[in-house]
Amino acid sequence: MKGACRIRVLLVSAAVLFAIGYAATAHAHGGTLFVSRDTTGRAQLQVDGPSDYIEGRTRIVLIRGDGQFTGFWFTDAPGISTLSEDGLIRGRRRLRPGHRVALELMRADRGFSMLEPSTFRVVLAHPKESYEFFRDARGDFSMQMVSRVDRPGTYSATFRFIDRGGLHSPSHTFTLRFTTDVPTDSLAAPQIATYYDAVRDLKLRLVDAASAIADRKMSRAADQAAVMWTPARNLPRLARAAGSGVAAGSIAAVDAQSAAIDRAAVTLHQAVDLGDSSAALAHLGAMSATVDSLAALAPRRFTCPMGCEGARTYPAPGRCPVCGGKLMDSFAHLDHNPRHGGQFIMTPDFEHHLEIVAGDAQLRVYLYDEFTRPIAADSVEARLELPSASPWRGRTLALTPDPETGCLAIALPRGGHFPREASLVLRFAGKGEQSYSIHFMPPKR
């Protein structure tokens, strides 16, 4: 556990420390609150971090203590740090020299308290109590506070940052929520037995992290970044194991790329803690490319996309012995996250994906293969068929490639009573026509 610099740390129950660390990694991660000031002359204190965390939409999990901590539930959250440089978060600056920033408790549910991490001394338990942070020579601090409750349940506590030195005006208030109920969808890394399992686990976690960022669930993305370290660090050992399928000449590449994933997981975690979704998505993109390279170093595996035999895989393509369907690469169809806010659809042949974005003035269709890699729009024929029972009397409108977006697009006609639904008909090269029902709002007049 992190403590304040230059302050002695007392010995505490090993079981409690393990439990707190596990909670922060496997369940609702507390994230880090970054304290800075705005760019106005008022110099108001600002608080940034994972949005779902500081908006109280994510409950932080507390774990039962033992030994001298029996009867309490703990977690090492929130983390609190000063901004290390101007502009690291847009519109934010470092605190003024000589500040005396403190965390003030505005209100809290009965039984909640916050402890100093180095001594486990209760420092915040009642409204208007405040805790001033230990600062280094640059005026910086970075520490994990410890939150505690005395009985099971859910809790909320409202805080703000103040400056006892009077150099900054107080921050806006923010509310954190806590619970002693451990979620059933634990993000803890599973026991990984093979190189294939490790690569697949990384792929799934990258997909989930991207989905979490898109949904503004930054705490879950941080959890996934933390858990990625386990499969990444196991890859070199698993690649050397008998039966891994990784050639001896590829071992050095596995070592280098797994180390790159390990480092990237740290930077991803930092970006998520800063609430910087753009940087986090950029890190995810780079990590995905590296994981794809790792996947290419081992023989392919194939499975039934219908899941007829669960997780069973085969070393070669063929037909499912249960449903007779075509076996697909086991790394296909792991990512069904929309890229453009549309409706994501898997085609009946399991070989393509569509993302349909139906607006009030334009219809756009983005095309992907089974690995959710973009497909050139000029390789597909597409048309929009309007219902005959409408003023448009069954008209057909062709979609054409849009060179700017890389999708198929059509401007929806204005005027008249445009139907709310239609059929999208596609023909991929070498395939028959496929039809999809779509719904959209009528164009604005």
Protein backbone atom coordinates (compact mmCIF):
# COMPACT_ATOMS: atom_id res chain seq x y z
CA MET A 1 0.00 0.00 0.00
CA LYS A 2 1.24 3.48 -0.79
CA GLY A 3 1.85 5.77 2.15
CA ALA A 4 2.79 9.43 2.40
CA CYS A 5 6.46 10.03 1.70
CA ARG A 6 8.84 10.48 4.66
CA ILE A 7 6.29 9.33 7.24
CA ARG A 8 6.93 6.10 9.14
CA VAL A 9 4.67 3.19 8.24
CA LEU A 10 3.34 0.91 10.97
CA LEU A 11 3.07 -2.86 10.60
CA VAL A 12 -0.52 -3.91 9.98
CA SER A 13 -2.42 -7.14 9.34
CA ALA A 14 -1.08 -8.85 6.22
CA ALA A 15 -4.53 -10.22 5.48
CA VAL A 16 -6.04 -6.73 5.47
CA LEU A 17 -3.34 -5.40 3.15
CA PHE A 18 -3.89 -8.28 0.75
CA ALA A 19 -7.64 -7.80 0.82
CA ILE A 20 -7.39 -4.07 0.17
CA GLY A 21 -5.02 -4.60 -2.75
CA TYR A 22 -7.29 -7.30 -4.17
CA ALA A 23 -10.34 -5.09 -3.94
CA ALA A 24 -8.65 -2.27 -5.82
CA THR A 25 -7.60 -4.63 -8.60
CA ALA A 26 -10.34 -7.19 -8.89
CA HIS A 27 -13.42 -5.12 -8.17
CA ALA A 28 -14.31 -1.42 -8.20
CA HIS A 29 -11.04 0.42 -8.55
CA GLY A 30 -10.94 3.69 -6.65
CA GLY A 31 -8.85 5.53 -9.20
CA THR A 32 -6.90 8.67 -8.40
CA LEU A 33 -8.23 12.16 -7.77
CA PHE A 34 -5.94 14.81 -9.26
CA VAL A 35 -5.96 18.18 -7.49
CA SER A 36 -5.08 21.28 -9.48
CA ARG A 37 -6.33 24.83 -10.06
CA ASP A 38 -8.18 26.41 -12.93
CA THR A 39 -6.77 29.08 -15.21
CA THR A 40 -8.86 31.97 -13.85
CA GLY A 41 -7.62 34.63 -11.48
CA ARG A 42 -9.78 33.12 -8.76
CA ALA A 43 -7.55 30.00 -8.73
CA GLN A 44 -10.30 27.63 -7.71
CA LEU A 45 -9.22 24.12 -6.71
CA GLN A 46 -10.23 21.52 -9.30
CA VAL A 47 -10.78 17.77 -8.97
CA ASP A 48 -10.30 15.41 -11.92
CA GLY A 49 -10.34 11.64 -12.24
CA PRO A 50 -12.48 8.77 -13.57
CA SER A 51 -15.86 10.36 -14.23
CA ASP A 52 -17.96 7.46 -12.91
CA TYR A 53 -15.92 7.55 -9.71
CA ILE A 54 -16.15 11.24 -8.86
CA GLU A 55 -19.78 11.40 -10.01
CA GLY A 56 -20.67 8.61 -7.59
CA ARG A 57 -21.92 6.23 -10.30
CA THR A 58 -19.46 3.48 -9.29
CA ARG A 59 -19.51 1.94 -5.83
CA ILE A 60 -16.09 1.24 -4.39
CA VAL A 61 -15.83 -2.18 -2.77
CA LEU A 62 -14.71 -2.49 0.86
CA ILE A 63 -13.23 -5.78 2.16
CA ARG A 64 -13.72 -7.27 5.65
CA GLY A 65 -10.73 -6.85 7.98
CA ASP A 66 -9.32 -9.35 10.48
CA GLY A 67 -7.00 -9.41 13.49
CA GLN A 68 -6.88 -5.96 15.06
CA PHE A 69 -9.21 -4.76 12.27
CA THR A 70 -11.98 -7.28 12.94
CA GLY A 71 -15.41 -5.67 12.73
CA PHE A 72 -14.47 -3.18 10.02
CA TRP A 73 -14.43 -3.10 6.21
CA PHE A 74 -11.61 -1.27 4.38
CA THR A 75 -10.38 -0.12 0.99
CA ASP A 76 -7.33 1.92 -0.07
CA ALA A 77 -9.36 4.58 -1.85
CA PRO A 78 -9.43 7.30 -2.88
CA GLY A 79 -5.96 7.92 -4.23
CA ILE A 80 -5.17 11.65 -4.18
CA SER A 81 -2.36 13.40 -6.04
CA THR A 82 -1.36 16.87 -7.16
CA LEU A 83 -1.02 17.63 -10.86
CA SER A 84 2.63 17.14 -11.79
CA GLU A 85 2.75 19.67 -14.63
CA ASP A 86 0.63 22.40 -16.19
CA GLY A 87 -1.67 21.21 -18.95
CA LEU A 88 -1.42 17.50 -18.14
CA ILE A 89 -5.20 17.80 -17.85
CA ARG A 90 -6.72 20.31 -20.25
CA GLY A 91 -7.39 23.69 -18.62
CA ARG A 92 -5.59 22.77 -15.39
CA ARG A 93 -2.46 24.16 -13.71
CA ARG A 94 -0.29 23.13 -10.84
CA LEU A 95 -1.12 24.38 -7.38
CA ARG A 96 0.47 27.65 -6.31
CA PRO A 97 3.66 27.40 -4.20
CA GLY A 98 3.02 27.55 -0.47
CA HIS A 99 -0.43 25.97 -0.61
CA ARG A 100 -1.83 23.93 2.28
CA VAL A 101 -4.40 21.81 0.50
CA ALA A 102 -6.61 19.60 2.64
CA LEU A 103 -9.53 17.23 2.10
CA GLU A 104 -12.68 18.32 3.94
CA LEU A 105 -15.55 15.98 4.80
CA MET A 106 -18.89 17.68 4.17
CA ARG A 107 -21.19 14.81 5.14
CA ALA A 108 -21.08 11.00 5.38
CA ASP A 109 -23.35 8.13 6.25
CA ARG A 110 -23.11 6.96 9.84
CA GLY A 111 -20.30 4.48 10.40
CA PHE A 112 -18.05 5.84 7.63
CA SER A 113 -14.59 7.25 8.36
CA MET A 114 -11.35 7.91 6.53
CA LEU A 115 -7.91 6.96 7.88
CA GLU A 116 -4.41 8.25 7.36
CA PRO A 117 -2.63 5.49 5.41
CA SER A 118 0.65 5.57 7.32
CA THR A 119 -0.75 5.28 10.84
CA PHE A 120 -4.35 4.11 10.31
CA ARG A 121 -5.40 7.03 12.48
CA VAL A 122 -8.98 8.23 11.92
CA VAL A 123 -8.72 11.72 10.41
CA LEU A 124 -12.17 12.28 8.84
CA ALA A 125 -15.34 11.11 10.57
CA HIS A 126 -17.51 14.19 11.17
CA PRO A 127 -18.69 17.09 8.98
CA LYS A 128 -16.24 19.99 8.60
CA GLU A 129 -13.24 17.89 9.67
CA SER A 130 -10.33 18.24 7.26
CA TYR A 131 -7.03 16.48 6.64
CA GLU A 132 -4.02 18.43 5.35
CA PHE A 133 -1.71 16.47 3.08
CA PHE A 134 1.99 16.02 3.63
CA ARG A 135 3.88 17.86 0.86
CA ASP A 136 7.36 17.44 -0.60
CA ALA A 137 9.72 20.28 -1.48
CA ARG A 138 7.84 21.00 -4.72
CA GLY A 139 4.53 21.19 -2.89
CA ASP A 140 3.38 17.84 -4.29
CA PHE A 141 1.70 14.89 -2.61
CA SER A 142 0.47 11.49 -3.78
CA MET A 143 -1.14 9.01 -1.42
CA GLN A 144 -3.88 6.44 -0.98
CA MET A 145 -6.32 7.35 1.76
CA VAL A 146 -8.01 4.45 3.56
CA SER A 147 -11.81 4.38 3.77
CA ARG A 148 -13.49 2.35 6.53
CA VAL A 149 -16.99 1.40 7.63
CA ASP A 150 -18.12 -0.39 10.77
CA ARG A 151 -20.93 -2.55 9.38
CA PRO A 152 -22.01 -4.11 6.05
CA GLY A 153 -23.98 -2.03 3.59
CA THR A 154 -23.70 0.83 1.14
CA TYR A 155 -22.36 4.25 2.05
CA SER A 156 -21.81 7.67 0.54
CA ALA A 157 -19.56 10.52 1.61
CA THR A 158 -19.32 14.05 0.23
CA PHE A 159 -16.03 15.98 0.18
CA ARG A 160 -14.34 19.06 -1.15
CA PHE A 161 -10.75 20.29 -1.25
CA ILE A 162 -9.79 23.46 0.63
CA ASP A 163 -6.58 25.44 0.99
CA ARG A 164 -5.73 26.32 4.57
CA GLY A 165 -3.11 28.68 3.21
CA GLY A 166 -5.74 30.78 1.46
CA LEU A 167 -4.07 30.68 -1.98
CA HIS A 168 -6.96 28.87 -3.67
CA SER A 169 -10.74 28.93 -3.33
CA PRO A 170 -12.43 25.65 -2.39
CA SER A 171 -13.28 23.05 -5.01
CA HIS A 172 -16.79 21.98 -5.88
CA THR A 173 -18.13 19.16 -3.72
CA PHE A 174 -18.06 15.55 -4.96
CA THR A 175 -19.59 12.37 -3.61
CA LEU A 176 -17.97 8.93 -3.40
CA ARG A 177 -20.00 5.77 -2.90
CA PHE A 178 -18.87 2.56 -1.19
CA THR A 179 -20.26 -0.94 -0.65
CA THR A 180 -19.33 -4.10 1.24
CA ASP A 181 -21.11 -6.23 -1.40
CA VAL A 182 -18.53 -7.89 -3.63
CA PRO A 183 -19.70 -7.87 -7.29
CA THR A 184 -20.29 -11.23 -8.90
CA ASP A 185 -18.57 -10.19 -12.14
CA SER A 186 -15.09 -10.14 -10.64
CA LEU A 187 -12.40 -8.91 -12.99
CA ALA A 188 -9.69 -10.97 -11.25
CA ALA A 189 -7.29 -12.65 -13.67
CA PRO A 190 -8.17 -16.32 -14.11
CA GLN A 191 -5.74 -19.19 -13.84
CA ILE A 192 -4.10 -19.15 -17.27
CA ALA A 193 -2.63 -22.47 -18.35
CA THR A 194 -1.60 -21.97 -21.97
CA TYR A 195 -0.15 -19.36 -24.30
CA TYR A 196 -3.41 -19.39 -26.28
CA ASP A 197 -5.43 -18.72 -23.11
CA ALA A 198 -3.21 -15.77 -22.17
CA VAL A 199 -3.52 -14.12 -25.58
CA ARG A 200 -7.28 -14.66 -25.68
CA ASP A 201 -7.65 -13.24 -22.16
CA LEU A 202 -5.74 -10.11 -23.21
CA LYS A 203 -7.92 -9.68 -26.29
CA LEU A 204 -11.13 -9.92 -24.26
CA ARG A 205 -9.88 -7.47 -21.63
CA LEU A 206 -8.88 -4.95 -24.29
CA VAL A 207 -12.37 -5.17 -25.78
CA ASP A 208 -14.01 -4.75 -22.38
CA ALA A 209 -11.77 -1.79 -21.52
CA ALA A 210 -12.71 -0.07 -24.80
CA SER A 211 -16.39 -0.66 -24.10
CA ALA A 212 -16.01 0.68 -20.55
CA ILE A 213 -14.33 3.88 -21.80
CA ALA A 214 -17.07 4.38 -24.40
CA ASP A 215 -19.66 4.03 -21.61
CA ARG A 216 -17.68 6.39 -19.33
CA LYS A 217 -17.09 3.56 -16.84
CA MET A 218 -13.49 4.58 -16.29
CA SER A 219 -13.10 2.59 -13.08
CA ARG A 220 -13.82 -0.67 -14.88
CA ALA A 221 -11.30 0.24 -17.59
CA ALA A 222 -8.71 0.86 -14.88
CA ASP A 223 -9.49 -2.54 -13.37
CA GLN A 224 -8.93 -4.23 -16.71
CA ALA A 225 -5.64 -2.39 -17.22
CA ALA A 226 -4.42 -3.62 -13.83
CA VAL A 227 -5.43 -7.24 -14.45
CA MET A 228 -3.73 -7.28 -17.88
CA TRP A 229 -0.37 -7.43 -16.15
CA THR A 230 -0.96 -11.07 -15.13
CA PRO A 231 -1.40 -12.64 -18.59
CA ALA A 232 1.25 -10.32 -20.07
CA ARG A 233 3.89 -11.36 -17.55
CA ASN A 234 3.03 -15.05 -17.99
CA LEU A 235 3.39 -15.06 -21.77
CA PRO A 236 7.18 -15.67 -21.93
CA ARG A 237 6.90 -18.71 -19.64
CA LEU A 238 3.86 -20.09 -21.44
CA ALA A 239 5.49 -19.62 -24.86
CA ARG A 240 8.38 -21.83 -23.73
CA ALA A 241 6.08 -24.57 -22.44
CA ALA A 242 5.76 -27.83 -24.36
CA GLY A 243 2.84 -27.77 -26.77
CA SER A 244 2.52 -23.97 -26.88
CA GLY A 245 2.93 -23.99 -30.65
CA VAL A 246 5.31 -21.02 -30.48
CA ALA A 247 8.43 -21.64 -32.55
CA ALA A 248 11.80 -21.37 -30.82
CA GLY A 249 12.75 -18.57 -33.18
CA SER A 250 9.76 -16.51 -32.02
CA ILE A 251 10.51 -16.63 -28.28
CA ALA A 252 12.53 -13.40 -28.36
CA ALA A 253 9.60 -11.62 -30.04
CA VAL A 254 7.23 -12.92 -27.35
CA ASP A 255 9.57 -11.61 -24.64
CA ALA A 256 9.75 -8.15 -26.21
CA GLN A 257 6.06 -7.84 -27.03
CA SER A 258 4.85 -9.11 -23.66
CA ALA A 259 7.11 -6.56 -21.96
CA ALA A 260 5.61 -3.88 -24.21
CA ILE A 261 2.08 -4.94 -23.15
CA ASP A 262 3.15 -4.81 -19.50
CA ARG A 263 4.45 -1.24 -19.90
CA ALA A 264 1.45 -0.17 -21.97
CA ALA A 265 -0.95 -1.44 -19.31
CA VAL A 266 0.68 0.97 -16.84
CA THR A 267 0.31 3.95 -19.20
CA LEU A 268 -3.27 2.90 -19.97
CA HIS A 269 -4.01 2.81 -16.25
CA GLN A 270 -2.54 6.31 -15.84
CA ALA A 271 -4.57 7.70 -18.76
CA VAL A 272 -7.78 6.25 -17.36
CA ASP A 273 -7.03 7.61 -13.89
CA LEU A 274 -6.57 11.04 -15.48
CA GLY A 275 -9.94 10.67 -17.15
CA ASP A 276 -8.27 11.13 -20.55
CA SER A 277 -10.40 8.88 -22.76
CA SER A 278 -8.65 9.95 -25.99
CA ALA A 279 -5.22 8.94 -24.69
CA ALA A 280 -6.65 5.74 -23.19
CA LEU A 281 -8.17 4.71 -26.53
CA ALA A 282 -4.88 5.45 -28.29
CA HIS A 283 -3.05 3.19 -25.82
CA LEU A 284 -5.69 0.49 -26.37
CA GLY A 285 -5.18 0.67 -30.13
CA ALA A 286 -1.42 0.20 -29.78
CA MET A 287 -1.90 -2.66 -27.30
CA SER A 288 -4.39 -4.39 -29.61
CA ALA A 289 -1.88 -4.33 -32.46
CA THR A 290 0.78 -5.88 -30.20
CA VAL A 291 -1.61 -8.59 -28.97
CA ASP A 292 -2.50 -9.38 -32.60
CA SER A 293 1.22 -9.91 -33.25
CA LEU A 294 1.45 -12.24 -30.26
CA ALA A 295 -1.56 -14.20 -31.51
CA ALA A 296 0.10 -14.66 -34.90
CA LEU A 297 3.08 -16.44 -33.30
CA ALA A 298 1.03 -19.50 -32.34
CA PRO A 299 -1.02 -21.90 -34.51
CA ARG A 300 -4.61 -20.89 -35.16
CA ARG A 301 -7.49 -22.56 -33.36
CA PHE A 302 -11.05 -22.92 -34.62
CA THR A 303 -14.40 -23.13 -32.83
CA CYS A 304 -18.12 -23.12 -33.53
CA PRO A 305 -19.45 -19.53 -33.51
CA MET A 306 -22.74 -20.85 -32.10
CA GLY A 307 -20.94 -22.16 -29.01
CA CYS A 308 -22.30 -25.66 -29.48
CA GLU A 309 -19.36 -27.22 -27.64
CA GLY A 310 -18.57 -24.37 -25.28
CA ALA A 311 -14.90 -23.38 -25.37
CA ARG A 312 -13.74 -26.45 -27.34
CA THR A 313 -11.37 -25.64 -30.20
CA TYR A 314 -9.95 -27.54 -33.17
CA PRO A 315 -6.52 -27.25 -34.82
CA ALA A 316 -7.96 -26.90 -38.34
CA PRO A 317 -11.05 -25.43 -40.03
CA GLY A 318 -14.01 -27.70 -40.67
CA ARG A 319 -17.60 -28.21 -39.60
CA CYS A 320 -19.11 -28.24 -36.14
CA PRO A 321 -20.04 -31.88 -35.27
CA VAL A 322 -23.18 -30.61 -33.49
CA CYS A 323 -24.81 -28.02 -35.78
CA GLY A 324 -22.81 -28.59 -38.95
CA GLY A 325 -21.89 -24.93 -39.21
CA LYS A 326 -18.53 -23.66 -40.39
CA LEU A 327 -15.86 -23.50 -37.69
CA MET A 328 -14.43 -20.00 -37.28
CA ASP A 329 -11.09 -18.73 -36.03
CA SER A 330 -11.35 -18.71 -32.24
CA PHE A 331 -10.12 -15.10 -32.12
CA ALA A 332 -12.99 -13.95 -34.36
CA HIS A 333 -16.11 -12.24 -32.98
CA LEU A 334 -14.50 -11.15 -29.73
CA ASP A 335 -15.21 -7.47 -30.39
CA HIS A 336 -18.73 -6.24 -31.11
CA ASN A 337 -18.22 -2.69 -29.82
CA PRO A 338 -19.67 0.02 -32.13
CA ARG A 339 -17.04 2.45 -33.42
CA HIS A 340 -19.43 5.21 -34.46
CA GLY A 341 -22.32 4.98 -32.03
CA GLY A 342 -24.43 2.84 -34.33
CA GLN A 343 -26.11 -0.56 -34.23
CA PHE A 344 -23.58 -3.39 -34.52
CA ILE A 345 -24.74 -6.49 -36.43
CA MET A 346 -23.08 -9.83 -37.23
CA THR A 347 -23.98 -11.18 -40.67
CA PRO A 348 -25.66 -14.60 -40.94
CA ASP A 349 -22.52 -16.17 -42.43
CA PHE A 350 -20.47 -15.08 -39.38
CA GLU A 351 -17.84 -13.62 -41.71
CA HIS A 352 -18.70 -9.92 -41.52
CA HIS A 353 -20.02 -7.22 -39.22
CA LEU A 354 -22.05 -4.12 -40.01
CA GLU A 355 -22.42 -0.93 -38.04
CA ILE A 356 -25.53 0.94 -39.12
CA VAL A 357 -25.81 4.62 -38.20
CA ALA A 358 -29.28 5.87 -39.13
CA GLY A 359 -29.62 9.60 -38.63
CA ASP A 360 -32.34 12.01 -39.63
CA ALA A 361 -30.58 13.14 -42.80
CA GLN A 362 -28.08 10.39 -43.68
CA LEU A 363 -27.69 6.63 -43.50
CA ARG A 364 -24.15 5.32 -42.99
CA VAL A 365 -23.03 1.69 -43.01
CA TYR A 366 -19.55 0.75 -41.78
CA LEU A 367 -18.22 -2.66 -42.81
CA TYR A 368 -15.91 -5.00 -40.87
CA ASP A 369 -14.60 -8.55 -41.17
CA GLU A 370 -14.99 -11.25 -38.50
CA PHE A 371 -12.11 -9.70 -36.51
CA THR A 372 -13.79 -6.27 -36.61
CA ARG A 373 -11.20 -4.94 -39.03
CA PRO A 374 -12.57 -2.33 -41.48
CA ILE A 375 -13.52 -3.47 -44.99
CA ALA A 376 -13.27 -1.17 -48.00
CA ALA A 377 -16.70 0.20 -48.83
CA ASP A 378 -16.13 -0.06 -52.59
CA SER A 379 -16.00 -3.87 -52.30
CA VAL A 380 -19.69 -4.12 -51.33
CA GLU A 381 -22.89 -3.32 -53.22
CA ALA A 382 -25.69 -1.81 -51.13
CA ARG A 383 -29.15 -0.35 -51.64
CA LEU A 384 -32.01 0.88 -49.49
CA GLU A 385 -35.42 -0.55 -50.37
CA LEU A 386 -38.37 1.52 -49.16
CA PRO A 387 -41.70 -0.17 -48.37
CA SER A 388 -44.29 -0.23 -51.13
CA ALA A 389 -47.03 0.78 -48.68
CA SER A 390 -45.70 4.32 -48.44
CA PRO A 391 -45.74 7.51 -50.52
CA TRP A 392 -42.32 6.45 -51.83
CA ARG A 393 -43.95 3.37 -53.45
CA GLY A 394 -41.10 0.90 -53.10
CA ARG A 395 -38.34 3.12 -54.40
CA THR A 396 -34.75 1.83 -54.28
CA LEU A 397 -31.91 4.14 -53.24
CA ALA A 398 -28.26 3.18 -53.82
CA LEU A 399 -25.60 3.64 -51.15
CA THR A 400 -22.18 4.77 -52.37
CA PRO A 401 -18.70 4.81 -50.80
CA ASP A 402 -17.90 7.95 -48.82
CA PRO A 403 -14.15 8.62 -49.25
CA GLU A 404 -13.99 10.77 -46.12
CA THR A 405 -15.47 8.27 -43.66
CA GLY A 406 -14.70 5.00 -45.47
CA CYS A 407 -18.31 3.84 -45.15
CA LEU A 408 -21.28 3.37 -47.44
CA ALA A 409 -23.60 6.37 -47.21
CA ILE A 410 -26.69 7.97 -48.63
CA ALA A 411 -28.37 11.30 -47.99
CA LEU A 412 -31.98 10.62 -47.04
CA PRO A 413 -34.52 12.53 -49.18
CA ARG A 414 -36.19 15.50 -47.60
CA GLY A 415 -39.81 16.39 -47.94
CA GLY A 416 -42.88 14.17 -47.99
CA HIS A 417 -43.62 11.41 -45.54
CA PHE A 418 -40.39 9.46 -45.46
CA PRO A 419 -40.90 5.96 -43.94
CA ARG A 420 -39.53 5.13 -40.51
CA GLU A 421 -38.27 1.73 -41.62
CA ALA A 422 -36.75 0.19 -44.72
CA SER A 423 -34.66 -2.76 -45.86
CA LEU A 424 -30.90 -2.51 -46.30
CA VAL A 425 -29.72 -5.00 -48.94
CA LEU A 426 -25.99 -5.83 -49.17
CA ARG A 427 -23.96 -8.06 -51.45
CA PHE A 428 -20.40 -8.91 -50.41
CA ALA A 429 -18.00 -10.14 -53.09
CA GLY A 430 -18.68 -13.80 -53.85
CA LYS A 431 -21.77 -13.87 -51.60
CA GLY A 432 -25.52 -13.71 -52.11
CA GLU A 433 -27.65 -10.77 -51.08
CA GLN A 434 -28.32 -10.16 -47.40
CA SER A 435 -31.23 -8.05 -46.16
CA TYR A 436 -31.56 -6.16 -42.87
CA SER A 437 -34.46 -4.19 -41.45
CA ILE A 438 -33.47 -0.75 -40.20
CA HIS A 439 -35.34 1.96 -38.36
CA PHE A 440 -34.67 5.69 -38.29
CA MET A 441 -36.35 8.96 -37.56
CA PRO A 442 -37.84 10.80 -40.55
CA PRO A 443 -35.62 13.59 -41.92
CA LYS A 444 -36.11 17.08 -40.61
CA ARG A 445 -37.85 19.43 -43.00
